[in-house]
Structure formats: C-alpha cells, structure tokens
Amino acid sequence: MAIALLIWVATIAFSLICGTILCYKVEKSKVKRWGYSGKLFK
C-alpha cells in the first residue's frame, strides 16, 4: 500500500515538473518569436 502511494505521488510530482518545464520552454519560445506581443495570448 505504501509503495503504491509513493509511486502515485512520484508520478504526479514528475508530471507537474514536466508540465512546468514544457510551459516554461513554450513561453520562452513565444517571447522570442513574438516579442512582447506574446503577452496578448495570456
């Protein structure tokens, strides 16, 4: 039971970290591509 819980927590943490990194990369590329006009898409 404890192992299943640890795996569940690790999976959620991993997906959150990956999502944050992907969003950060997309934001950076958007800013490079559009300049400050990229802020209009928020």
PDB file of N, CA and C in Angstrom:
ATOM      1  N   MET A   1       0.832  -1.201   0.000  1.00  0.00           N
ATOM      2  CA  MET A   1       0.000   0.000   0.000  1.00  0.00           C
ATOM      3  C   MET A   1       0.871   1.259   0.000  1.00  0.00           C
ATOM      4  N   ALA A   2       1.875   1.293   0.866  1.00  0.00           N
ATOM      5  CA  ALA A   2       2.766   2.459   0.950  1.00  0.00           C
ATOM      6  C   ALA A   2       3.534   2.646  -0.360  1.00  0.00           C
ATOM      7  N   ILE A   3       3.928   1.539  -0.978  1.00  0.00           N
ATOM      8  CA  ILE A   3       4.681   1.613  -2.236  1.00  0.00           C
ATOM      9  C   ILE A   3       3.800   2.207  -3.337  1.00  0.00           C
ATOM     10  N   ALA A   4       2.538   1.763  -3.393  1.00  0.00           N
ATOM     11  CA  ALA A   4       1.602   2.284  -4.390  1.00  0.00           C
ATOM     12  C   ALA A   4       1.407   3.784  -4.200  1.00  0.00           C
ATOM     13  N   LEU A   5       1.304   4.214  -2.955  1.00  0.00           N
ATOM     14  CA  LEU A   5       1.129   5.638  -2.645  1.00  0.00           C
ATOM     15  C   LEU A   5       2.359   6.434  -3.074  1.00  0.00           C
ATOM     16  N   LEU A   6       3.547   5.890  -2.800  1.00  0.00           N
ATOM     17  CA  LEU A   6       4.790   6.562  -3.199  1.00  0.00           C
ATOM     18  C   LEU A   6       4.881   6.697  -4.717  1.00  0.00           C
ATOM     19  N   ILE A   7       4.516   5.636  -5.436  1.00  0.00           N
ATOM     20  CA  ILE A   7       4.551   5.667  -6.901  1.00  0.00           C
ATOM     21  C   ILE A   7       3.570   6.717  -7.419  1.00  0.00           C
ATOM     22  N   TRP A   8       2.362   6.769  -6.801  1.00  0.00           N
ATOM     23  CA  TRP A   8       1.331   7.735  -7.192  1.00  0.00           C
ATOM     24  C   TRP A   8       1.821   9.169  -6.995  1.00  0.00           C
ATOM     25  N   VAL A   9       2.414   9.432  -5.838  1.00  0.00           N
ATOM     26  CA  VAL A   9       2.945  10.769  -5.536  1.00  0.00           C
ATOM     27  C   VAL A   9       4.078  11.125  -6.495  1.00  0.00           C
ATOM     28  N   ALA A  10       4.972  10.178  -6.742  1.00  0.00           N
ATOM     29  CA  ALA A  10       6.105  10.414  -7.638  1.00  0.00           C
ATOM     30  C   ALA A  10       5.624  10.710  -9.059  1.00  0.00           C
ATOM     31  N   THR A  11       4.592   9.989  -9.506  1.00  0.00           N
ATOM     32  CA  THR A  11       4.045  10.198 -10.848  1.00  0.00           C
ATOM     33  C   THR A  11       3.457  11.594 -10.980  1.00  0.00           C
ATOM     34  N   ILE A  12       2.688  12.020  -9.979  1.00  0.00           N
ATOM     35  CA  ILE A  12       2.080  13.356 -10.000  1.00  0.00           C
ATOM     36  C   ILE A  12       3.168  14.427  -9.975  1.00  0.00           C
ATOM     37  N   ALA A  13       4.159  14.270  -9.100  1.00  0.00           N
ATOM     38  CA  ALA A  13       5.247  15.245  -8.996  1.00  0.00           C
ATOM     39  C   ALA A  13       6.001  15.330 -10.323  1.00  0.00           C
ATOM     40  N   PHE A  14       6.277  14.180 -10.930  1.00  0.00           N
ATOM     41  CA  PHE A  14       7.008  14.131 -12.198  1.00  0.00           C
ATOM     42  C   PHE A  14       6.230  14.824 -13.311  1.00  0.00           C
ATOM     43  N   SER A  15       4.913  14.555 -13.389  1.00  0.00           N
ATOM     44  CA  SER A  15       4.090  15.170 -14.432  1.00  0.00           C
ATOM     45  C   SER A  15       3.987  16.679 -14.230  1.00  0.00           C
ATOM     46  N   LEU A  16       3.901  17.121 -12.970  1.00  0.00           N
ATOM     47  CA  LEU A  16       3.845  18.559 -12.677  1.00  0.00           C
ATOM     48  C   LEU A  16       5.141  19.241 -13.099  1.00  0.00           C
ATOM     49  N   ILE A  17       6.277  18.602 -12.771  1.00  0.00           N
ATOM     50  CA  ILE A  17       7.584  19.169 -13.126  1.00  0.00           C
ATOM     51  C   ILE A  17       7.734  19.232 -14.650  1.00  0.00           C
ATOM     52  N   CYS A  18       7.359  18.151 -15.337  1.00  0.00           N
ATOM     53  CA  CYS A  18       7.460  18.126 -16.800  1.00  0.00           C
ATOM     54  C   CYS A  18       6.569  19.197 -17.417  1.00  0.00           C
ATOM     55  N   GLY A  19       5.345  19.333 -16.902  1.00  0.00           N
ATOM     56  CA  GLY A  19       4.417  20.346 -17.404  1.00  0.00           C
ATOM     57  C   GLY A  19       4.966  21.742 -17.223  1.00  0.00           C
ATOM     58  N   THR A  20       5.566  21.980 -16.061  1.00  0.00           N
ATOM     59  CA  THR A  20       6.129  23.306 -15.773  1.00  0.00           C
ATOM     60  C   THR A  20       7.276  23.614 -16.729  1.00  0.00           C
ATOM     61  N   ILE A  21       8.148  22.616 -16.956  1.00  0.00           N
ATOM     62  CA  ILE A  21       9.294  22.812 -17.849  1.00  0.00           C
ATOM     63  C   ILE A  21       8.814  23.063 -19.279  1.00  0.00           C
ATOM     64  N   LEU A  22       7.810  22.284 -19.732  1.00  0.00           N
ATOM     65  CA  LEU A  22       7.287  22.461 -21.085  1.00  0.00           C
ATOM     66  C   LEU A  22       6.661  23.838 -21.250  1.00  0.00           C
ATOM     67  N   CYS A  23       5.850  24.258 -20.268  1.00  0.00           N
ATOM     68  CA  CYS A  23       5.216  25.579 -20.328  1.00  0.00           C
ATOM     69  C   CYS A  23       6.278  26.671 -20.358  1.00  0.00           C
ATOM     70  N   TYR A  24       7.320  26.508 -19.549  1.00  0.00           N
ATOM     71  CA  TYR A  24       8.402  27.492 -19.496  1.00  0.00           C
ATOM     72  C   TYR A  24       9.092  27.608 -20.855  1.00  0.00           C
ATOM     73  N   LYS A  25       9.357  26.466 -21.496  1.00  0.00           N
ATOM     74  CA  LYS A  25      10.010  26.466 -22.802  1.00  0.00           C
ATOM     75  C   LYS A  25       9.110  27.100 -23.856  1.00  0.00           C
ATOM     76  N   VAL A  26       7.803  26.797 -23.808  1.00  0.00           N
ATOM     77  CA  VAL A  26       6.856  27.371 -24.769  1.00  0.00           C
ATOM     78  C   VAL A  26       6.782  28.878 -24.581  1.00  0.00           C
ATOM     79  N   GLU A  27       6.707  29.330 -23.329  1.00  0.00           N
ATOM     80  CA  GLU A  27       6.668  30.769 -23.036  1.00  0.00           C
ATOM     81  C   GLU A  27       7.922  31.461 -23.568  1.00  0.00           C
ATOM     82  N   LYS A  28       9.090  30.852 -23.335  1.00  0.00           N
ATOM     83  CA  LYS A  28      10.358  31.435 -23.796  1.00  0.00           C
ATOM     84  C   LYS A  28      10.379  31.537 -25.318  1.00  0.00           C
ATOM     85  N   SER A  29       9.950  30.488 -26.017  1.00  0.00           N
ATOM     86  CA  SER A  29       9.974  30.500 -27.477  1.00  0.00           C
ATOM     87  C   SER A  29       8.953  31.500 -28.019  1.00  0.00           C
ATOM     88  N   LYS A  30       7.800  31.619 -27.343  1.00  0.00           N
ATOM     89  CA  LYS A  30       6.772  32.580 -27.750  1.00  0.00           C
ATOM     90  C   LYS A  30       7.296  34.001 -27.624  1.00  0.00           C
ATOM     91  N   VAL A  31       7.975  34.271 -26.504  1.00  0.00           N
ATOM     92  CA  VAL A  31       8.521  35.613 -26.269  1.00  0.00           C
ATOM     93  C   VAL A  31       9.577  35.928 -27.326  1.00  0.00           C
ATOM     94  N   LYS A  32      10.406  34.945 -27.663  1.00  0.00           N
ATOM     95  CA  LYS A  32      11.430  35.143 -28.692  1.00  0.00           C
ATOM     96  C   LYS A  32      10.777  35.407 -30.048  1.00  0.00           C
ATOM     97  N   ARG A  33       9.707  34.680 -30.355  1.00  0.00           N
ATOM     98  CA  ARG A  33       9.069  34.755 -31.659  1.00  0.00           C
ATOM     99  C   ARG A  33       8.262  36.044 -31.825  1.00  0.00           C
ATOM    100  N   TRP A  34       7.472  36.371 -30.794  1.00  0.00           N
ATOM    101  CA  TRP A  34       6.530  37.480 -30.916  1.00  0.00           C
ATOM    102  C   TRP A  34       6.962  38.748 -30.190  1.00  0.00           C
ATOM    103  N   GLY A  35       8.024  38.678 -29.395  1.00  0.00           N
ATOM    104  CA  GLY A  35       8.381  39.831 -28.577  1.00  0.00           C
ATOM    105  C   GLY A  35       7.326  40.011 -27.494  1.00  0.00           C
ATOM    106  N   TYR A  36       7.046  41.242 -27.120  1.00  0.00           N
ATOM    107  CA  TYR A  36       6.088  41.479 -26.043  1.00  0.00           C
ATOM    108  C   TYR A  36       4.649  41.243 -26.481  1.00  0.00           C
ATOM    109  N   SER A  37       4.377  41.162 -27.773  1.00  0.00           N
ATOM    110  CA  SER A  37       3.021  40.890 -28.252  1.00  0.00           C
ATOM    111  C   SER A  37       2.552  39.499 -27.822  1.00  0.00           C
ATOM    112  N   GLY A  38       3.493  38.616 -27.457  1.00  0.00           N
ATOM    113  CA  GLY A  38       3.144  37.289 -26.967  1.00  0.00           C
ATOM    114  C   GLY A  38       2.313  37.346 -25.698  1.00  0.00           C
ATOM    115  N   LYS A  39       2.429  38.453 -24.956  1.00  0.00           N
ATOM    116  CA  LYS A  39       1.667  38.615 -23.716  1.00  0.00           C
ATOM    117  C   LYS A  39       0.167  38.726 -23.993  1.00  0.00           C
ATOM    118  N   LEU A  40      -0.213  39.101 -25.218  1.00  0.00           N
ATOM    119  CA  LEU A  40      -1.625  39.235 -25.572  1.00  0.00           C
ATOM    120  C   LEU A  40      -2.353  37.896 -25.541  1.00  0.00           C
ATOM    121  N   PHE A  41      -1.616  36.798 -25.703  1.00  0.00           N
ATOM    122  CA  PHE A  41      -2.235  35.471 -25.748  1.00  0.00           C
ATOM    123  C   PHE A  41      -2.613  34.930 -24.378  1.00  0.00           C
ATOM    124  N   LYS A  42      -2.187  35.623 -23.295  1.00  0.00           N
ATOM    125  CA  LYS A  42      -2.488  35.137 -21.941  1.00  0.00           C
ATOM    126  C   LYS A  42      -3.975  35.225 -21.650  1.00  0.00           C
TER     127      LYS A  42
END
